[in-house]
């Protein structure tokens, strides 16, 4: 049965009306996603952002050193020229600028450690133009965070920390501060990346394209709720100016540091007491029970909490305090964020099986690693080439020459065939092989036995513990031609 043309026309009208409504809704959603203005938010949070001026006394110049020879007729001229601005050898005062933000009505201020480090005087300027002197409550160089305090007769405007873990790539953020000493300034952008690491053990940076320049250091990075999700710390730039790659220390890291600085005036991070390295793909075949390249492999266990708990070199830490360990960086952050003195359960992979050990954490800041003593091997003068490595037992003379601890045992690599797999793996002359298949090496025969055992077991690689300049690392060396 045919549909009347009139009905078709009505259907088209309804369809076009629905399409128009959908387009209007989409535009409305887009408008909400991209605010027309940040003015209301900036006006609300600006009173909590501060400019920081520091001054430091530095030693003055001592005269025309290296400019003209002593006794030259031009000596007096150059001395007069240098003294014109610096008053000769008198101490001079220099100043620096930065940013910060107030986190409590009683005057606690957060900024970067590098903004106030070495300062003799710190002056806080508020958005209103009011100025107050500040004192340092505590600092943490590892995260480049400093906590200051000002005294005010009236409550101060402040902002709260947000949950940086909820920030997503693409979210809008705004940065506030004192760029290039030009005074209060606001810039907007998005979260460009998360979980960036620069150089520190506890790095967790939010990358943003919101303009950050010199002088913005220590200023806040806000989300659209007016919460601080980061502390502006560094930029990546070939010319010192913003090119859209800025880094803010994540607020969830900053909050823990600030809490400890408020309570103790210093940080108190957990300490496990092990040296560790990442697990690589080529170790999977060399280690029983290892299925994926995850976890953190222990390369050394000095005296400390881990040794007392029974941890051993070669153990792979699979989980810490109920959380899986992905890699070295993750474990360092987990341990550091755990309170000192807490007893935690650590699951390790050893000899193909998992074991749960209970460790009472020490304090990282007070940790002093003491190398464990080792039995001294018998001297074995002959060299031997094995798997592209020429090795000889470690003697007292070689220990002294290489700067190796007196208790260390193993084999010294005297030469590496450049065409070998060992050379590809980065082994070099001077390296000391202390373990093979997680068993100590006292002689060349020990190494040969470990190789034979691995071949008989059908393994494709041999796990070696290598020390270079005292630093240990595991290397999975291929046994195949």
Protein backbone atom coordinates (compact mmCIF):
# COMPACT_ATOMS: atom_id res chain seq x y z
CA UNK A 1 0.00 0.00 0.00
CA UNK A 2 1.52 3.34 -1.02
CA UNK A 3 2.20 6.07 1.54
CA UNK A 4 0.43 9.36 0.72
CA UNK A 5 2.71 12.19 -0.36
CA UNK A 6 1.30 14.38 2.39
CA UNK A 7 2.46 11.93 5.03
CA UNK A 8 5.94 11.80 3.47
CA UNK A 9 6.17 15.58 3.62
CA UNK A 10 5.15 15.57 7.27
CA UNK A 11 7.74 12.88 7.99
CA UNK A 12 10.48 14.99 6.33
CA UNK A 13 9.51 18.01 8.43
CA UNK A 14 9.62 15.97 11.63
CA UNK A 15 12.96 14.42 10.64
CA UNK A 16 14.53 17.80 9.83
CA UNK A 17 13.23 19.26 13.09
CA UNK A 18 14.78 16.38 15.05
CA UNK A 19 18.07 16.83 13.20
CA UNK A 20 18.07 20.55 14.00
CA UNK A 21 17.45 19.79 17.66
CA UNK A 22 20.37 17.33 17.68
CA UNK A 23 22.67 19.93 16.13
CA UNK A 24 21.64 22.51 18.72
CA UNK A 25 22.27 19.99 21.51
CA UNK A 26 25.70 19.16 20.09
CA UNK A 27 26.59 22.85 19.95
CA UNK A 28 25.40 23.28 23.52
CA UNK A 29 27.57 20.38 24.68
CA UNK A 30 30.57 21.79 22.80
CA UNK A 31 30.01 25.18 24.41
CA UNK A 32 30.00 23.57 27.83
CA UNK A 33 33.21 21.66 27.05
CA UNK A 34 34.97 24.85 25.96
CA UNK A 35 34.08 27.76 28.24
CA UNK A 36 33.65 31.12 26.58
CA UNK A 37 35.64 32.78 29.36
CA UNK A 38 37.80 31.87 32.34
CA UNK A 39 37.19 35.28 33.90
CA UNK A 40 34.84 34.17 36.69
CA UNK A 41 37.15 31.34 37.75
CA UNK A 42 40.26 33.55 37.58
CA UNK A 43 38.55 36.22 39.67
CA UNK A 44 37.57 33.64 42.27
CA UNK A 45 41.01 32.06 42.77
CA UNK A 46 43.37 35.01 42.12
CA UNK A 47 43.41 36.22 45.77
CA UNK A 48 45.04 32.95 46.82
CA UNK A 49 47.94 33.21 44.34
CA UNK A 50 51.05 35.12 45.43
CA UNK A 51 54.22 36.57 43.98
CA UNK A 52 57.42 35.65 45.82
CA UNK A 53 60.52 37.83 45.94
CA UNK A 54 63.69 36.48 47.54
CA UNK A 55 66.95 38.21 48.31
CA UNK A 56 70.35 36.71 48.97
CA UNK A 57 73.67 38.21 50.03
CA UNK A 58 76.54 37.10 47.81
CA UNK A 59 80.24 37.78 48.11
CA UNK A 60 81.52 40.86 46.28
CA UNK A 61 84.28 41.07 43.72
CA UNK A 62 87.84 41.37 44.92
CA UNK A 63 89.34 43.51 42.20
CA UNK A 64 90.57 43.24 38.62
CA UNK A 65 91.61 39.58 38.82
CA UNK A 66 92.50 38.21 35.43
CA UNK A 67 91.67 41.51 33.72
CA UNK A 68 95.01 43.34 33.77
CA UNK A 69 98.41 42.35 35.22
CA UNK A 70 99.06 43.43 38.78
CA UNK A 71 100.97 46.74 38.81
CA UNK A 72 99.66 47.73 35.38
CA UNK A 73 98.96 51.46 34.90
CA UNK A 74 95.41 50.43 33.94
CA UNK A 75 94.82 48.61 37.27
CA UNK A 76 93.29 51.62 39.01
CA UNK A 77 91.05 52.31 36.03
CA UNK A 78 89.63 48.78 35.98
CA UNK A 79 89.18 48.75 39.77
CA UNK A 80 87.20 51.98 39.56
CA UNK A 81 85.11 50.51 36.74
CA UNK A 82 84.29 47.35 38.73
CA UNK A 83 83.60 49.22 41.97
CA UNK A 84 81.10 51.54 40.31
CA UNK A 85 78.22 49.03 40.70
CA UNK A 86 79.51 46.50 43.17
CA UNK A 87 81.30 48.58 45.80
CA UNK A 88 84.43 46.52 45.34
CA UNK A 89 84.70 43.53 47.60
CA UNK A 90 81.66 44.35 49.69
CA UNK A 91 78.88 41.71 49.81
CA UNK A 92 76.08 42.36 47.33
CA UNK A 93 72.38 41.53 47.58
CA UNK A 94 70.68 39.80 44.65
CA UNK A 95 66.99 39.09 44.20
CA UNK A 96 64.89 36.46 42.43
CA UNK A 97 61.20 36.11 41.58
CA UNK A 98 58.76 33.24 41.71
CA UNK A 99 55.17 32.30 42.46
CA UNK A 100 53.19 30.40 45.06
CA UNK A 101 49.73 29.90 46.52
CA UNK A 102 48.06 29.98 49.94
CA UNK A 103 46.64 26.68 51.20
CA UNK A 104 45.19 27.76 54.57
CA UNK A 105 43.63 30.86 56.07
CA UNK A 106 46.38 30.98 58.72
CA UNK A 107 49.06 31.63 56.12
CA UNK A 108 50.73 28.45 54.83
CA UNK A 109 52.13 29.01 51.33
CA UNK A 110 53.37 26.41 48.84
CA UNK A 111 56.06 27.10 46.24
CA UNK A 112 59.08 25.44 44.62
CA UNK A 113 62.20 24.74 46.64
CA UNK A 114 64.39 26.24 43.92
CA UNK A 115 62.49 29.54 44.24
CA UNK A 116 63.54 30.10 47.87
CA UNK A 117 66.67 27.94 48.19
CA UNK A 118 69.52 29.89 49.80
CA UNK A 119 67.37 32.99 50.34
CA UNK A 120 68.06 35.26 53.31
CA UNK A 121 64.77 37.10 53.02
CA UNK A 122 61.44 36.04 51.48
CA UNK A 123 58.68 38.54 50.72
CA UNK A 124 55.16 37.47 49.76
CA UNK A 125 53.06 39.85 47.62
CA UNK A 126 49.33 39.21 47.48
CA UNK A 127 46.94 40.00 44.64
CA UNK A 128 45.73 43.06 46.55
CA UNK A 129 49.26 44.47 46.65
CA UNK A 130 49.76 43.67 50.33
CA UNK A 131 53.21 42.36 51.29
CA UNK A 132 54.23 40.09 54.17
CA UNK A 133 57.55 38.48 55.11
CA UNK A 134 57.66 34.67 55.12
CA UNK A 135 59.68 32.03 56.91
CA UNK A 136 60.55 28.57 55.65
CA UNK A 137 58.75 25.71 57.40
CA UNK A 138 60.39 22.92 55.40
CA UNK A 139 61.64 21.91 51.98
CA UNK A 140 61.93 18.76 49.86
CA UNK A 141 64.52 18.77 47.09
CA UNK A 142 63.29 15.44 45.70
CA UNK A 143 59.98 16.96 44.59
CA UNK A 144 61.19 20.59 44.51
CA UNK A 145 58.52 21.65 47.00
CA UNK A 146 58.82 24.22 49.80
CA UNK A 147 56.34 25.20 52.50
CA UNK A 148 56.36 28.80 53.79
CA UNK A 149 54.41 30.61 56.51
CA UNK A 150 53.28 34.21 56.82
CA UNK A 151 51.65 35.85 59.83
CA UNK A 152 48.48 37.81 59.15
CA UNK A 153 46.02 39.57 61.46
CA UNK A 154 43.12 38.51 59.28
CA UNK A 155 42.23 35.23 57.54
CA UNK A 156 43.76 34.82 54.11
CA UNK A 157 42.05 33.62 50.95
CA UNK A 158 43.22 30.09 50.14
CA UNK A 159 42.67 27.23 47.70
CA UNK A 160 42.36 23.48 48.13
CA UNK A 161 44.24 20.66 46.48
CA UNK A 162 42.32 18.54 43.98
CA UNK A 163 42.81 14.88 43.07
CA UNK A 164 45.41 14.93 40.29
CA UNK A 165 44.72 11.27 39.50
CA UNK A 166 41.32 12.27 38.11
CA UNK A 167 42.86 14.73 35.65
CA UNK A 168 42.60 13.40 32.11
CA UNK A 169 44.57 14.22 29.00
CA UNK A 170 42.55 16.92 27.25
CA UNK A 171 41.08 18.50 30.39
CA UNK A 172 41.18 22.30 30.59
CA UNK A 173 43.61 23.79 33.13
CA UNK A 174 44.81 27.30 33.93
CA UNK A 175 48.20 28.37 35.27
CA UNK A 176 48.66 31.43 37.45
CA UNK A 177 51.76 33.20 38.65
CA UNK A 178 54.36 35.88 38.07
CA UNK A 179 55.94 35.14 34.68
CA UNK A 180 59.18 36.98 33.97
CA UNK A 181 58.46 39.27 36.92
CA UNK A 182 55.59 40.94 35.09
CA UNK A 183 53.10 40.49 37.91
CA UNK A 184 49.95 38.41 38.24
CA UNK A 185 49.10 36.58 35.05
CA UNK A 186 46.74 33.81 33.91
CA UNK A 187 47.24 31.38 31.04
CA UNK A 188 44.98 28.55 29.87
CA UNK A 189 45.59 25.24 28.15
CA UNK A 190 44.91 21.55 28.46
CA UNK A 191 46.51 18.57 30.16
CA UNK A 192 48.86 17.35 27.42
CA UNK A 193 50.15 14.21 29.18
CA UNK A 194 50.17 12.51 32.56
CA UNK A 195 52.72 10.69 34.73
CA UNK A 196 55.76 12.35 33.19
CA UNK A 197 59.13 11.61 34.83
CA UNK A 198 62.00 14.09 34.49
CA UNK A 199 64.88 13.20 36.80
CA UNK A 200 63.73 12.46 40.33
CA UNK A 201 62.70 9.21 42.04
CA UNK A 202 59.28 10.59 42.99
CA UNK A 203 58.49 12.51 39.81
CA UNK A 204 54.86 12.53 38.71
CA UNK A 205 54.41 15.52 36.45
CA UNK A 206 51.37 16.76 34.59
CA UNK A 207 52.43 18.10 31.19
CA UNK A 208 50.46 21.10 29.96
CA UNK A 209 50.49 23.56 27.08
CA UNK A 210 49.26 26.38 29.34
CA UNK A 211 52.00 29.01 29.06
CA UNK A 212 54.58 28.63 31.85
CA UNK A 213 57.65 30.88 31.90
CA UNK A 214 60.42 31.83 34.29
CA UNK A 215 58.77 33.34 37.34
CA UNK A 216 55.82 30.94 37.11
CA UNK A 217 57.79 28.42 39.19
CA UNK A 218 55.88 27.46 42.32
CA UNK A 219 52.57 28.75 41.01
CA UNK A 220 49.41 26.64 40.88
CA UNK A 221 47.85 24.71 38.01
CA UNK A 222 44.08 24.75 38.48
CA UNK A 223 41.32 22.52 37.16
CA UNK A 224 37.96 23.96 36.20
CA UNK A 225 36.67 23.50 39.76
CA UNK A 226 39.29 25.93 41.06
CA UNK A 227 41.29 23.13 42.72
CA UNK A 228 45.08 22.89 42.53
CA UNK A 229 46.06 19.79 40.54
CA UNK A 230 49.72 20.70 40.08
CA UNK A 231 52.58 22.98 41.08
CA UNK A 232 54.25 24.59 38.05
CA UNK A 233 57.89 23.53 38.20
CA UNK A 234 59.69 23.26 34.87
CA UNK A 235 59.52 23.92 31.15
CA UNK A 236 61.09 22.26 28.14
CA UNK A 237 62.42 24.97 25.87
CA UNK A 238 65.42 25.66 23.62
CA UNK A 239 65.26 29.40 24.33
CA UNK A 240 64.09 29.68 27.94
CA UNK A 241 60.56 30.76 26.99
CA UNK A 242 57.31 28.84 26.78
CA UNK A 243 56.89 26.65 23.70
CA UNK A 244 53.87 24.83 25.09
CA UNK A 245 55.68 22.11 27.05
CA UNK A 246 55.42 22.80 30.75
CA UNK A 247 55.45 20.48 33.75
CA UNK A 248 53.56 20.68 37.04
CA UNK A 249 54.23 18.35 39.95
CA UNK A 250 51.01 16.40 40.53
CA UNK A 251 48.99 17.55 43.53
CA UNK A 252 48.70 14.05 45.00
CA UNK A 253 52.48 14.02 45.39
CA UNK A 254 52.56 17.58 46.73
CA UNK A 255 49.82 16.94 49.31
CA UNK A 256 51.81 14.16 51.00
CA UNK A 257 54.97 16.29 51.07
CA UNK A 258 53.16 19.35 52.45
CA UNK A 259 51.46 17.30 55.17
CA UNK A 260 54.83 15.98 56.37
CA UNK A 261 56.46 19.40 56.19
CA UNK A 262 53.65 20.85 58.28
CA UNK A 263 53.89 18.10 60.87
CA UNK A 264 57.64 17.46 61.02
CA UNK A 265 59.34 20.27 59.11
CA UNK A 266 60.89 17.59 56.88
CA UNK A 267 59.90 14.58 54.80
CA UNK A 268 59.78 11.05 56.22
CA UNK A 269 59.64 8.50 53.44
CA UNK A 270 59.56 4.76 53.76
CA UNK A 271 62.75 2.81 53.05
CA UNK A 272 62.90 -0.82 52.02
CA UNK A 273 66.68 -1.12 51.80
CA UNK A 274 67.33 -2.81 48.44
CA UNK A 275 68.95 -2.02 45.13
CA UNK A 276 66.66 -2.86 42.25
CA UNK A 277 66.39 -2.89 38.48
CA UNK A 278 63.62 -3.38 35.95
CA UNK A 279 62.80 -6.84 34.64
CA UNK A 280 63.50 -7.13 30.92
CA UNK A 281 61.86 -9.36 28.30
CA UNK A 282 64.97 -11.48 27.85
CA UNK A 283 64.92 -12.42 31.55
CA UNK A 284 61.62 -14.28 31.23
CA UNK A 285 63.25 -17.41 29.84
CA UNK A 286 66.13 -17.24 32.31
CA UNK A 287 64.01 -17.12 35.49
CA UNK A 288 61.69 -19.91 36.66
CA UNK A 289 58.12 -18.80 37.24
CA UNK A 290 58.50 -15.42 35.53
CA UNK A 291 55.74 -14.95 32.96
CA UNK A 292 55.86 -11.24 32.16
CA UNK A 293 58.49 -8.50 32.23
CA UNK A 294 57.04 -6.86 35.32
CA UNK A 295 58.14 -6.36 38.90
CA UNK A 296 61.43 -5.12 40.33
CA UNK A 297 64.47 -7.37 40.57
CA UNK A 298 66.66 -7.06 43.65
CA UNK A 299 70.34 -6.69 42.75
CA UNK A 300 71.72 -6.10 46.24
CA UNK A 301 70.49 -6.29 49.84
CA UNK A 302 72.58 -4.23 52.29
CA UNK A 303 71.88 -4.18 55.99
CA UNK A 304 68.42 -2.81 56.60
CA UNK A 305 64.72 -3.70 56.65
CA UNK A 306 64.84 -5.97 53.59
CA UNK A 307 67.78 -8.01 54.89
CA UNK A 308 66.09 -8.42 58.26
CA UNK A 309 62.96 -9.67 56.47
CA UNK A 310 64.95 -12.30 54.54
CA UNK A 311 65.01 -10.72 51.08
CA UNK A 312 67.78 -11.91 48.77
CA UNK A 313 69.57 -10.71 45.69
CA UNK A 314 67.76 -12.14 42.67
CA UNK A 315 64.30 -11.96 44.25
CA UNK A 316 61.73 -10.26 42.07
CA UNK A 317 59.31 -8.07 44.00
CA UNK A 318 55.86 -8.75 42.52
CA UNK A 319 53.66 -6.84 44.96
CA UNK A 320 54.13 -4.38 47.81
CA UNK A 321 51.58 -3.77 50.54
CA UNK A 322 48.82 -5.40 48.51
CA UNK A 323 49.55 -3.53 45.25
CA UNK A 324 51.16 -5.04 42.18
CA UNK A 325 54.60 -3.71 41.27
CA UNK A 326 54.88 -2.76 37.60
CA UNK A 327 58.49 -1.56 37.55
CA UNK A 328 61.24 0.13 39.55
CA UNK A 329 59.71 3.58 39.32
CA UNK A 330 56.38 2.31 40.61
CA UNK A 331 57.97 0.48 43.55
CA UNK A 332 60.08 3.49 44.58
CA UNK A 333 56.96 5.66 44.68
CA UNK A 334 54.96 3.03 46.58
CA UNK A 335 57.65 2.60 49.22
CA UNK A 336 58.31 6.32 49.53
CA UNK A 337 54.63 7.06 50.06
CA UNK A 338 54.32 4.46 52.84
CA UNK A 339 54.72 5.64 56.41
CA UNK A 340 57.93 4.93 58.27
CA UNK A 341 57.68 2.00 60.69
CA UNK A 342 54.74 0.36 58.95
CA UNK A 343 54.89 -3.44 58.61
CA UNK A 344 54.01 -4.37 55.02
CA UNK A 345 53.68 -7.63 53.15
CA UNK A 346 55.96 -8.02 50.13
CA UNK A 347 55.46 -10.85 47.64
CA UNK A 348 58.67 -11.97 45.90
CA UNK A 349 59.39 -14.54 43.21
CA UNK A 350 62.25 -16.84 44.28
CA UNK A 351 63.32 -20.17 42.75
CA UNK A 352 60.19 -20.31 40.63
CA UNK A 353 57.78 -19.82 43.54
CA UNK A 354 56.23 -16.79 45.23
CA UNK A 355 56.91 -16.06 48.89
CA UNK A 356 55.36 -13.47 51.16
CA UNK A 357 57.72 -11.58 53.44
CA UNK A 358 56.82 -9.09 56.15
CA UNK A 359 59.00 -5.98 56.20
CA UNK A 360 59.01 -3.13 58.70
CA UNK A 361 60.01 -0.03 56.74
CA UNK A 362 62.81 2.25 57.86
CA UNK A 363 63.22 5.92 57.01
CA UNK A 364 64.87 6.71 53.71
CA UNK A 365 66.38 9.99 54.87
CA UNK A 366 68.30 8.21 57.61
CA UNK A 367 69.26 5.12 55.66
CA UNK A 368 72.89 4.10 55.55
CA UNK A 369 73.54 1.11 53.32
CA UNK A 370 76.36 -1.13 54.58
CA UNK A 371 77.63 -3.74 52.07
CA UNK A 372 77.23 -7.28 53.29
CA UNK A 373 80.45 -9.20 53.81
CA UNK A 374 81.20 -12.04 51.40
CA UNK A 375 83.55 -15.02 51.60
CA UNK A 376 86.91 -14.40 49.93
CA UNK A 377 87.59 -16.81 47.04
CA UNK A 378 90.77 -18.69 46.41
CA UNK A 379 93.04 -17.07 43.83
CA UNK A 380 92.82 -18.67 40.41
CA UNK A 381 95.36 -17.05 38.10
CA UNK A 382 94.28 -18.45 34.69
CA UNK A 383 92.10 -16.53 32.24
CA UNK A 384 89.41 -18.25 30.20
CA UNK A 385 87.13 -17.19 27.35
CA UNK A 386 83.47 -18.09 27.82
CA UNK A 387 80.52 -16.83 25.75
CA UNK A 388 82.65 -14.06 24.27
CA UNK A 389 83.94 -13.00 27.68
CA UNK A 390 87.50 -13.37 28.89
CA UNK A 391 87.28 -13.75 32.67
CA UNK A 392 89.62 -14.23 35.60
CA UNK A 393 88.86 -14.66 39.31
CA UNK A 394 88.79 -11.47 41.38
CA UNK A 395 92.05 -11.10 43.32
CA UNK A 396 93.12 -8.61 45.98
CA UNK A 397 95.19 -6.75 43.39
CA UNK A 398 92.21 -6.50 41.03
CA UNK A 399 89.96 -5.37 43.88
CA UNK A 400 92.31 -2.50 44.62
CA UNK A 401 92.70 -1.63 40.93
CA UNK A 402 88.94 -1.65 40.25
CA UNK A 403 87.91 -0.13 43.58
CA UNK A 404 85.80 -3.17 44.48
CA UNK A 405 84.72 -3.77 48.09
CA UNK A 406 86.95 -6.21 49.94
CA UNK A 407 84.09 -8.64 50.62
CA UNK A 408 83.02 -8.97 46.97
CA UNK A 409 83.61 -12.24 45.13
CA UNK A 410 83.31 -13.05 41.44
CA UNK A 411 85.02 -13.01 38.06
CA UNK A 412 86.56 -9.97 36.40
CA UNK A 413 85.93 -9.43 32.68
CA UNK A 414 89.29 -8.62 31.09
CA UNK A 415 88.10 -8.57 27.48
CA UNK A 416 84.87 -8.79 25.46
CA UNK A 417 84.64 -10.05 21.89
CA UNK A 418 82.99 -7.21 19.98
CA UNK A 419 81.17 -9.71 17.76
CA UNK A 420 79.61 -11.52 20.72
CA UNK A 421 76.15 -11.36 22.31
CA UNK A 422 77.89 -10.27 25.52
CA UNK A 423 79.16 -7.10 23.82
CA UNK A 424 75.66 -6.39 22.46
CA UNK A 425 74.34 -6.64 26.01
CA UNK A 426 76.74 -3.94 27.13
CA UNK A 427 79.29 -6.05 29.01
CA UNK A 428 82.73 -4.48 29.04
CA UNK A 429 86.22 -5.06 30.39
CA UNK A 430 86.34 -4.20 34.08
CA UNK A 431 82.87 -5.55 34.83
CA UNK A 432 82.69 -8.01 37.73
CA UNK A 433 80.40 -11.07 37.44
CA UNK A 434 79.29 -11.93 40.97
CA UNK A 435 76.43 -14.38 40.30
CA UNK A 436 75.19 -16.72 37.58
CA UNK A 437 71.69 -18.23 37.74
CA UNK A 438 71.37 -16.44 41.10
CA UNK A 439 74.27 -18.42 42.57
CA UNK A 440 77.54 -16.86 43.70
CA UNK A 441 80.61 -17.18 41.51
CA UNK A 442 83.91 -18.01 43.24
CA UNK A 443 85.77 -19.48 40.27
CA UNK A 444 85.71 -19.94 36.50
CA UNK A 445 84.53 -23.49 37.09
CA UNK A 446 81.45 -22.15 38.85
CA UNK A 447 80.52 -20.17 35.73
CA UNK A 448 81.05 -23.19 33.49
CA UNK A 449 78.86 -25.31 35.77
CA UNK A 450 76.05 -22.75 35.71
CA UNK A 451 76.20 -22.66 31.89
CA UNK A 452 76.05 -26.47 31.67
CA UNK A 453 73.09 -26.60 34.05
CA UNK A 454 71.21 -23.98 32.04
CA UNK A 455 71.84 -25.82 28.76
CA UNK A 456 70.72 -29.14 30.25
CA UNK A 457 67.54 -27.46 31.51
CA UNK A 458 66.81 -26.23 28.00
CA UNK A 459 67.29 -22.57 28.83
CA UNK A 460 68.13 -20.09 26.10
CA UNK A 461 69.88 -17.58 28.36
CA UNK A 462 71.89 -17.31 31.56
CA UNK A 463 71.14 -14.68 34.19
CA UNK A 464 74.29 -12.85 35.33
CA UNK A 465 74.65 -10.33 38.15
CA UNK A 466 77.15 -7.74 36.96
CA UNK A 467 78.77 -4.97 38.99
CA UNK A 468 80.31 -1.91 37.40
CA UNK A 469 81.79 0.84 39.59
CA UNK A 470 80.03 -0.83 42.51
CA UNK A 471 76.56 -0.63 40.92
CA UNK A 472 74.84 -4.01 40.35
CA UNK A 473 72.55 -4.99 37.46
CA UNK A 474 71.23 -8.25 36.02
CA UNK A 475 71.95 -9.26 32.42
CA UNK A 476 70.30 -12.16 30.60
CA UNK A 477 73.10 -13.50 28.33
CA UNK A 478 72.05 -15.66 25.39
CA UNK A 479 73.42 -19.23 25.30
CA UNK A 480 72.52 -19.71 21.65
CA UNK A 481 74.99 -19.32 18.82
